[in-house]
Amino acid sequence: MNLPGLERLLGVCQRLNLGLETSPPTREPLKVGTLLEGVSFDPVLASVYSRLGHAVFADRLSTLALYGDDEESRDFEKINKIGRDRWWEELGAPVIVFGGDVHAYATVPGLADEQGRQPVVQIDTYEPDFRVMPIASNVDRFFDSYSRYLEAADSHYQQTGERDLYFPWHATEILARDERLVELMRAGRFDALMKNVDDTTRRWATKVMGR
């Protein structure tokens, strides 16, 4: 599977000198069709893990970590065991967590498209009700959007010296270009996951949807 979003994110981190750490894939990466905590593993993530064992993007600006799938750490499997036990009931739907910074990034198996690609949400696990924000129609589109956010945030920092642009709050115009994401949001497909969001988050979602 081609992953132009991932390639773009890798390129932006290198070009802007934002920091990049990666490791090679494990000998037996998770494959398409694998059941993880009882739900289907996303095919885009399977392709990502066929190339990378783990990654840390842009730690000099706004760190995004791809959890490791290696024999030694098994961070990916550990975090999803925790997620199943602690988050699924509260969220009301299974999710597969693949990365994070101060938040968790996860795919939603129940909203997969006809090719099996799962949309991505950000989960604020520090909020008591687990605030959920839809951010991409699939994992590679998330990487693309995040790379464009990094470009905007770095430009802002170079001009002002301030690191006060945050994803996804200040990326509504970028996310609005993801037509499939907007379609899902307008159709109310994320409403059950977003049941606990506040008015500020609802206004953010309205901007992404162009309403």
C-alpha atoms as a PDB file:
ATOM      1  CA  MET A   1       0.000   0.000   0.000  1.00  0.00           C
ATOM      2  CA  ASN A   2       1.277   3.446  -0.914  1.00  0.00           C
ATOM      3  CA  LEU A   3       1.525   5.769   2.087  1.00  0.00           C
ATOM      4  CA  PRO A   4       1.995   9.295   0.727  1.00  0.00           C
ATOM      5  CA  GLY A   5       0.879  10.846   4.016  1.00  0.00           C
ATOM      6  CA  LEU A   6       3.525   8.977   5.975  1.00  0.00           C
ATOM      7  CA  GLU A   7       6.180   9.854   3.393  1.00  0.00           C
ATOM      8  CA  ARG A   8       5.161  13.497   3.583  1.00  0.00           C
ATOM      9  CA  LEU A   9       5.339  13.508   7.387  1.00  0.00           C
ATOM     10  CA  LEU A  10       8.796  11.936   7.341  1.00  0.00           C
ATOM     11  CA  GLY A  11       9.913  14.506   4.789  1.00  0.00           C
ATOM     12  CA  VAL A  12       8.547  17.490   6.727  1.00  0.00           C
ATOM     13  CA  CYS A  13      10.253  16.369   9.938  1.00  0.00           C
ATOM     14  CA  GLN A  14      13.576  16.094   8.106  1.00  0.00           C
ATOM     15  CA  ARG A  15      13.247  19.246   5.996  1.00  0.00           C
ATOM     16  CA  LEU A  16      12.281  21.469   8.931  1.00  0.00           C
ATOM     17  CA  ASN A  17      14.666  19.722  11.336  1.00  0.00           C
ATOM     18  CA  LEU A  18      11.834  19.001  13.776  1.00  0.00           C
ATOM     19  CA  GLY A  19      13.245  15.724  15.018  1.00  0.00           C
ATOM     20  CA  LEU A  20      12.649  12.178  13.789  1.00  0.00           C
ATOM     21  CA  GLU A  21      13.334   8.802  15.350  1.00  0.00           C
ATOM     22  CA  THR A  22      12.372   5.506  13.727  1.00  0.00           C
ATOM     23  CA  SER A  23      13.201   1.831  13.995  1.00  0.00           C
ATOM     24  CA  PRO A  24      12.891  -0.953  11.392  1.00  0.00           C
ATOM     25  CA  PRO A  25       9.840  -3.214  11.427  1.00  0.00           C
ATOM     26  CA  THR A  26       9.655  -6.284  13.586  1.00  0.00           C
ATOM     27  CA  ARG A  27      10.311  -9.689  11.990  1.00  0.00           C
ATOM     28  CA  GLU A  28       6.589 -10.466  12.192  1.00  0.00           C
ATOM     29  CA  PRO A  29       4.602  -7.210  11.967  1.00  0.00           C
ATOM     30  CA  LEU A  30       0.871  -7.254  12.524  1.00  0.00           C
ATOM     31  CA  LYS A  31      -0.910  -8.137   9.295  1.00  0.00           C
ATOM     32  CA  VAL A  32      -4.199  -7.301   7.607  1.00  0.00           C
ATOM     33  CA  GLY A  33      -6.933  -9.533   8.981  1.00  0.00           C
ATOM     34  CA  THR A  34      -5.295  -9.880  12.384  1.00  0.00           C
ATOM     35  CA  LEU A  35      -7.712  -9.614  15.298  1.00  0.00           C
ATOM     36  CA  LEU A  36      -6.430  -7.253  17.985  1.00  0.00           C
ATOM     37  CA  GLU A  37      -8.426  -7.389  21.218  1.00  0.00           C
ATOM     38  CA  GLY A  38     -11.139  -9.076  19.169  1.00  0.00           C
ATOM     39  CA  VAL A  39     -11.511  -6.451  16.404  1.00  0.00           C
ATOM     40  CA  SER A  40     -10.052  -6.208  12.900  1.00  0.00           C
ATOM     41  CA  PHE A  41      -6.643  -4.574  12.537  1.00  0.00           C
ATOM     42  CA  ASP A  42      -6.633  -1.595  10.190  1.00  0.00           C
ATOM     43  CA  PRO A  43      -4.998  -2.332   6.795  1.00  0.00           C
ATOM     44  CA  VAL A  44      -3.326   1.092   6.654  1.00  0.00           C
ATOM     45  CA  LEU A  45      -1.737   0.506  10.054  1.00  0.00           C
ATOM     46  CA  ALA A  46      -0.634  -2.928   8.873  1.00  0.00           C
ATOM     47  CA  SER A  47       1.180  -1.249   5.989  1.00  0.00           C
ATOM     48  CA  VAL A  48       2.727   1.330   8.353  1.00  0.00           C
ATOM     49  CA  TYR A  49       4.033  -1.375  10.677  1.00  0.00           C
ATOM     50  CA  SER A  50       5.452  -3.295   7.717  1.00  0.00           C
ATOM     51  CA  ARG A  51       7.794  -0.302   7.319  1.00  0.00           C
ATOM     52  CA  LEU A  52       8.347   0.969  10.861  1.00  0.00           C
ATOM     53  CA  GLY A  53       8.712  -0.712  14.231  1.00  0.00           C
ATOM     54  CA  HIS A  54       8.100   2.581  15.998  1.00  0.00           C
ATOM     55  CA  ALA A  55       8.502   6.296  15.336  1.00  0.00           C
ATOM     56  CA  VAL A  56       8.717   9.636  17.140  1.00  0.00           C
ATOM     57  CA  PHE A  57       7.871  12.599  14.926  1.00  0.00           C
ATOM     58  CA  ALA A  58       8.714  16.271  15.549  1.00  0.00           C
ATOM     59  CA  ASP A  59       9.834  16.072  19.175  1.00  0.00           C
ATOM     60  CA  ARG A  60      11.342  19.569  18.813  1.00  0.00           C
ATOM     61  CA  LEU A  61       7.939  21.097  18.147  1.00  0.00           C
ATOM     62  CA  SER A  62       4.916  18.902  18.895  1.00  0.00           C
ATOM     63  CA  THR A  63       5.730  15.272  19.553  1.00  0.00           C
ATOM     64  CA  LEU A  64       3.735  12.499  17.903  1.00  0.00           C
ATOM     65  CA  ALA A  65       4.747   8.953  18.799  1.00  0.00           C
ATOM     66  CA  LEU A  66       3.823   5.804  16.898  1.00  0.00           C
ATOM     67  CA  TYR A  67       3.694   3.055  19.514  1.00  0.00           C
ATOM     68  CA  GLY A  68       6.271   0.314  19.059  1.00  0.00           C
ATOM     69  CA  ASP A  69       5.422  -3.094  17.639  1.00  0.00           C
ATOM     70  CA  ASP A  70       8.604  -4.928  18.496  1.00  0.00           C
ATOM     71  CA  GLU A  71       9.405  -8.123  20.345  1.00  0.00           C
ATOM     72  CA  GLU A  72      11.074  -6.308  23.242  1.00  0.00           C
ATOM     73  CA  SER A  73       8.588  -3.605  24.183  1.00  0.00           C
ATOM     74  CA  ARG A  74       5.234  -4.653  22.673  1.00  0.00           C
ATOM     75  CA  ASP A  75       3.977  -1.146  23.567  1.00  0.00           C
ATOM     76  CA  PHE A  76       1.289  -1.389  20.906  1.00  0.00           C
ATOM     77  CA  GLU A  77      -0.243  -4.550  22.342  1.00  0.00           C
ATOM     78  CA  LYS A  78       0.076  -3.303  25.928  1.00  0.00           C
ATOM     79  CA  ILE A  79      -1.666   0.004  25.318  1.00  0.00           C
ATOM     80  CA  ASN A  80      -4.523  -1.700  23.517  1.00  0.00           C
ATOM     81  CA  LYS A  81      -5.037  -4.181  26.323  1.00  0.00           C
ATOM     82  CA  ILE A  82      -5.302  -1.178  28.668  1.00  0.00           C
ATOM     83  CA  GLY A  83      -7.579   0.586  26.201  1.00  0.00           C
ATOM     84  CA  ARG A  84      -9.971  -2.347  25.994  1.00  0.00           C
ATOM     85  CA  ASP A  85     -10.156  -2.679  29.770  1.00  0.00           C
ATOM     86  CA  ARG A  86     -10.448   1.027  30.616  1.00  0.00           C
ATOM     87  CA  TRP A  87     -11.831   2.916  27.628  1.00  0.00           C
ATOM     88  CA  TRP A  88     -14.140   0.830  25.451  1.00  0.00           C
ATOM     89  CA  GLU A  89     -17.077   0.762  27.827  1.00  0.00           C
ATOM     90  CA  GLU A  90     -16.853   4.495  28.496  1.00  0.00           C
ATOM     91  CA  LEU A  91     -16.485   5.296  24.794  1.00  0.00           C
ATOM     92  CA  GLY A  92     -19.241   2.925  23.745  1.00  0.00           C
ATOM     93  CA  ALA A  93     -17.220   1.500  20.833  1.00  0.00           C
ATOM     94  CA  PRO A  94     -13.973  -0.435  20.262  1.00  0.00           C
ATOM     95  CA  VAL A  95     -10.920   1.586  19.250  1.00  0.00           C
ATOM     96  CA  ILE A  96      -7.357   0.608  18.395  1.00  0.00           C
ATOM     97  CA  VAL A  97      -4.804   3.048  19.809  1.00  0.00           C
ATOM     98  CA  PHE A  98      -1.675   3.391  17.671  1.00  0.00           C
ATOM     99  CA  GLY A  99       0.001   6.586  18.841  1.00  0.00           C
ATOM    100  CA  GLY A 100      -0.083   9.657  20.992  1.00  0.00           C
ATOM    101  CA  ASP A 101       1.558  12.607  22.608  1.00  0.00           C
ATOM    102  CA  VAL A 102      -0.415  14.010  25.525  1.00  0.00           C
ATOM    103  CA  HIS A 103      -3.484  12.449  23.890  1.00  0.00           C
ATOM    104  CA  ALA A 104      -4.187   9.090  22.270  1.00  0.00           C
ATOM    105  CA  TYR A 105      -4.747   8.553  18.557  1.00  0.00           C
ATOM    106  CA  ALA A 106      -6.901   5.597  17.584  1.00  0.00           C
ATOM    107  CA  THR A 107      -8.721   3.973  14.688  1.00  0.00           C
ATOM    108  CA  VAL A 108     -12.432   3.121  14.900  1.00  0.00           C
ATOM    109  CA  PRO A 109     -13.014  -0.374  13.451  1.00  0.00           C
ATOM    110  CA  GLY A 110     -16.789   0.030  13.444  1.00  0.00           C
ATOM    111  CA  LEU A 111     -16.560   2.895  10.924  1.00  0.00           C
ATOM    112  CA  ALA A 112     -14.309   1.177   8.370  1.00  0.00           C
ATOM    113  CA  ASP A 113     -14.927   1.943   4.684  1.00  0.00           C
ATOM    114  CA  GLU A 114     -15.439  -0.649   1.922  1.00  0.00           C
ATOM    115  CA  GLN A 115     -11.670  -1.203   1.769  1.00  0.00           C
ATOM    116  CA  GLY A 116     -11.442  -1.769   5.510  1.00  0.00           C
ATOM    117  CA  ARG A 117      -9.693   1.546   6.206  1.00  0.00           C
ATOM    118  CA  GLN A 118     -10.656   2.912   9.594  1.00  0.00           C
ATOM    119  CA  PRO A 119     -11.090   6.602  10.482  1.00  0.00           C
ATOM    120  CA  VAL A 120      -8.945   8.176  13.182  1.00  0.00           C
ATOM    121  CA  VAL A 121      -9.977   9.988  16.361  1.00  0.00           C
ATOM    122  CA  GLN A 122      -8.068  11.825  19.059  1.00  0.00           C
ATOM    123  CA  ILE A 123      -8.999  10.758  22.594  1.00  0.00           C
ATOM    124  CA  ASP A 124      -8.280  13.039  25.523  1.00  0.00           C
ATOM    125  CA  THR A 125      -7.797  10.409  28.209  1.00  0.00           C
ATOM    126  CA  TYR A 126      -7.099  13.108  30.802  1.00  0.00           C
ATOM    127  CA  GLU A 127     -10.684  14.311  30.612  1.00  0.00           C
ATOM    128  CA  PRO A 128     -12.978  12.366  32.982  1.00  0.00           C
ATOM    129  CA  ASP A 129     -15.408  11.617  30.136  1.00  0.00           C
ATOM    130  CA  PHE A 130     -12.799  10.874  27.442  1.00  0.00           C
ATOM    131  CA  ARG A 131     -13.350  13.701  24.957  1.00  0.00           C
ATOM    132  CA  VAL A 132     -13.214  12.377  21.382  1.00  0.00           C
ATOM    133  CA  MET A 133     -12.433  14.455  18.275  1.00  0.00           C
ATOM    134  CA  PRO A 134     -12.574  12.990  14.719  1.00  0.00           C
ATOM    135  CA  ILE A 135      -9.403  13.936  12.849  1.00  0.00           C
ATOM    136  CA  ALA A 136      -8.973  11.802   9.702  1.00  0.00           C
ATOM    137  CA  SER A 137     -10.712   9.398   7.351  1.00  0.00           C
ATOM    138  CA  ASN A 138      -7.791   6.959   7.638  1.00  0.00           C
ATOM    139  CA  VAL A 139      -4.350   6.677   9.210  1.00  0.00           C
ATOM    140  CA  ASP A 140      -2.357   7.871   6.193  1.00  0.00           C
ATOM    141  CA  ARG A 141      -4.635  10.895   5.794  1.00  0.00           C
ATOM    142  CA  PHE A 142      -3.957  11.650   9.466  1.00  0.00           C
ATOM    143  CA  PHE A 143      -0.214  11.647   8.785  1.00  0.00           C
ATOM    144  CA  ASP A 144      -0.752  13.994   5.843  1.00  0.00           C
ATOM    145  CA  SER A 145      -2.869  16.402   7.898  1.00  0.00           C
ATOM    146  CA  TYR A 146      -0.409  16.308  10.794  1.00  0.00           C
ATOM    147  CA  SER A 147       2.481  17.113   8.454  1.00  0.00           C
ATOM    148  CA  ARG A 148       0.619  20.187   7.188  1.00  0.00           C
ATOM    149  CA  TYR A 149      -0.142  21.248  10.751  1.00  0.00           C
ATOM    150  CA  LEU A 150       3.583  20.950  11.556  1.00  0.00           C
ATOM    151  CA  GLU A 151       4.441  23.222   8.628  1.00  0.00           C
ATOM    152  CA  ALA A 152       1.963  25.827   9.856  1.00  0.00           C
ATOM    153  CA  ALA A 153       3.098  25.529  13.480  1.00  0.00           C
ATOM    154  CA  ASP A 154       6.775  25.799  12.548  1.00  0.00           C
ATOM    155  CA  SER A 155       6.122  28.862  10.375  1.00  0.00           C
ATOM    156  CA  HIS A 156       4.185  30.455  13.231  1.00  0.00           C
ATOM    157  CA  TYR A 157       7.030  29.718  15.644  1.00  0.00           C
ATOM    158  CA  GLN A 158       9.641  31.159  13.289  1.00  0.00           C
ATOM    159  CA  GLN A 159       7.629  34.384  12.999  1.00  0.00           C
ATOM    160  CA  THR A 160       6.489  34.823  16.609  1.00  0.00           C
ATOM    161  CA  GLY A 161       8.699  32.636  18.804  1.00  0.00           C
ATOM    162  CA  GLU A 162       5.499  31.147  20.244  1.00  0.00           C
ATOM    163  CA  ARG A 163       4.503  27.490  20.245  1.00  0.00           C
ATOM    164  CA  ASP A 164       0.810  28.084  20.709  1.00  0.00           C
ATOM    165  CA  LEU A 165      -0.739  26.318  17.721  1.00  0.00           C
ATOM    166  CA  TYR A 166      -2.189  22.988  18.800  1.00  0.00           C
ATOM    167  CA  PHE A 167      -3.466  19.981  16.891  1.00  0.00           C
ATOM    168  CA  PRO A 168      -6.297  19.554  16.061  1.00  0.00           C
ATOM    169  CA  TRP A 169      -7.675  22.802  17.529  1.00  0.00           C
ATOM    170  CA  HIS A 170      -5.773  25.035  15.100  1.00  0.00           C
ATOM    171  CA  ALA A 171      -6.015  22.699  12.101  1.00  0.00           C
ATOM    172  CA  THR A 172      -9.680  23.046  11.136  1.00  0.00           C
ATOM    173  CA  GLU A 173      -8.923  24.258   7.593  1.00  0.00           C
ATOM    174  CA  ILE A 174      -6.485  21.381   7.074  1.00  0.00           C
ATOM    175  CA  LEU A 175      -8.909  18.752   8.368  1.00  0.00           C
ATOM    176  CA  ALA A 176     -11.742  20.202   6.273  1.00  0.00           C
ATOM    177  CA  ARG A 177      -9.842  19.122   3.137  1.00  0.00           C
ATOM    178  CA  ASP A 178     -10.411  15.471   4.121  1.00  0.00           C
ATOM    179  CA  GLU A 179     -13.676  14.997   2.251  1.00  0.00           C
ATOM    180  CA  ARG A 180     -14.395  11.536   3.646  1.00  0.00           C
ATOM    181  CA  LEU A 181     -13.893  12.780   7.207  1.00  0.00           C
ATOM    182  CA  VAL A 182     -16.281  15.673   6.643  1.00  0.00           C
ATOM    183  CA  GLU A 183     -18.825  13.306   5.072  1.00  0.00           C
ATOM    184  CA  LEU A 184     -18.706  11.001   8.110  1.00  0.00           C
ATOM    185  CA  MET A 185     -19.030  13.919  10.522  1.00  0.00           C
ATOM    186  CA  ARG A 186     -21.974  15.444   8.669  1.00  0.00           C
ATOM    187  CA  ALA A 187     -23.689  12.042   8.612  1.00  0.00           C
ATOM    188  CA  GLY A 188     -23.377  11.828  12.391  1.00  0.00           C
ATOM    189  CA  ARG A 189     -21.201   8.713  12.329  1.00  0.00           C
ATOM    190  CA  PHE A 190     -19.054   9.994  15.208  1.00  0.00           C
ATOM    191  CA  ASP A 191     -21.945  11.303  17.325  1.00  0.00           C
ATOM    192  CA  ALA A 192     -21.975   8.345  19.726  1.00  0.00           C
ATOM    193  CA  LEU A 193     -18.247   8.743  20.394  1.00  0.00           C
ATOM    194  CA  MET A 194     -18.626  12.520  20.815  1.00  0.00           C
ATOM    195  CA  LYS A 195     -21.432  12.321  23.364  1.00  0.00           C
ATOM    196  CA  ASN A 196     -19.305  13.896  26.102  1.00  0.00           C
ATOM    197  CA  VAL A 197     -17.763  16.819  24.233  1.00  0.00           C
ATOM    198  CA  ASP A 198     -18.238  20.405  25.382  1.00  0.00           C
ATOM    199  CA  ASP A 199     -19.517  23.419  23.434  1.00  0.00           C
ATOM    200  CA  THR A 200     -15.985  24.456  22.458  1.00  0.00           C
ATOM    201  CA  THR A 201     -15.398  21.086  20.809  1.00  0.00           C
ATOM    202  CA  ARG A 202     -18.762  21.236  19.054  1.00  0.00           C
ATOM    203  CA  ARG A 203     -17.873  24.634  17.617  1.00  0.00           C
ATOM    204  CA  TRP A 204     -14.545  23.175  16.456  1.00  0.00           C
ATOM    205  CA  ALA A 205     -16.389  20.323  14.726  1.00  0.00           C
ATOM    206  CA  THR A 206     -18.733  22.801  13.053  1.00  0.00           C
ATOM    207  CA  LYS A 207     -15.738  24.610  11.559  1.00  0.00           C
ATOM    208  CA  VAL A 208     -14.280  21.346  10.217  1.00  0.00           C
ATOM    209  CA  MET A 209     -17.627  20.539   8.598  1.00  0.00           C
ATOM    210  CA  GLY A 210     -17.783  24.018   7.059  1.00  0.00           C
ATOM    211  CA  ARG A 211     -21.041  24.937   8.728  1.00  0.00           C
END
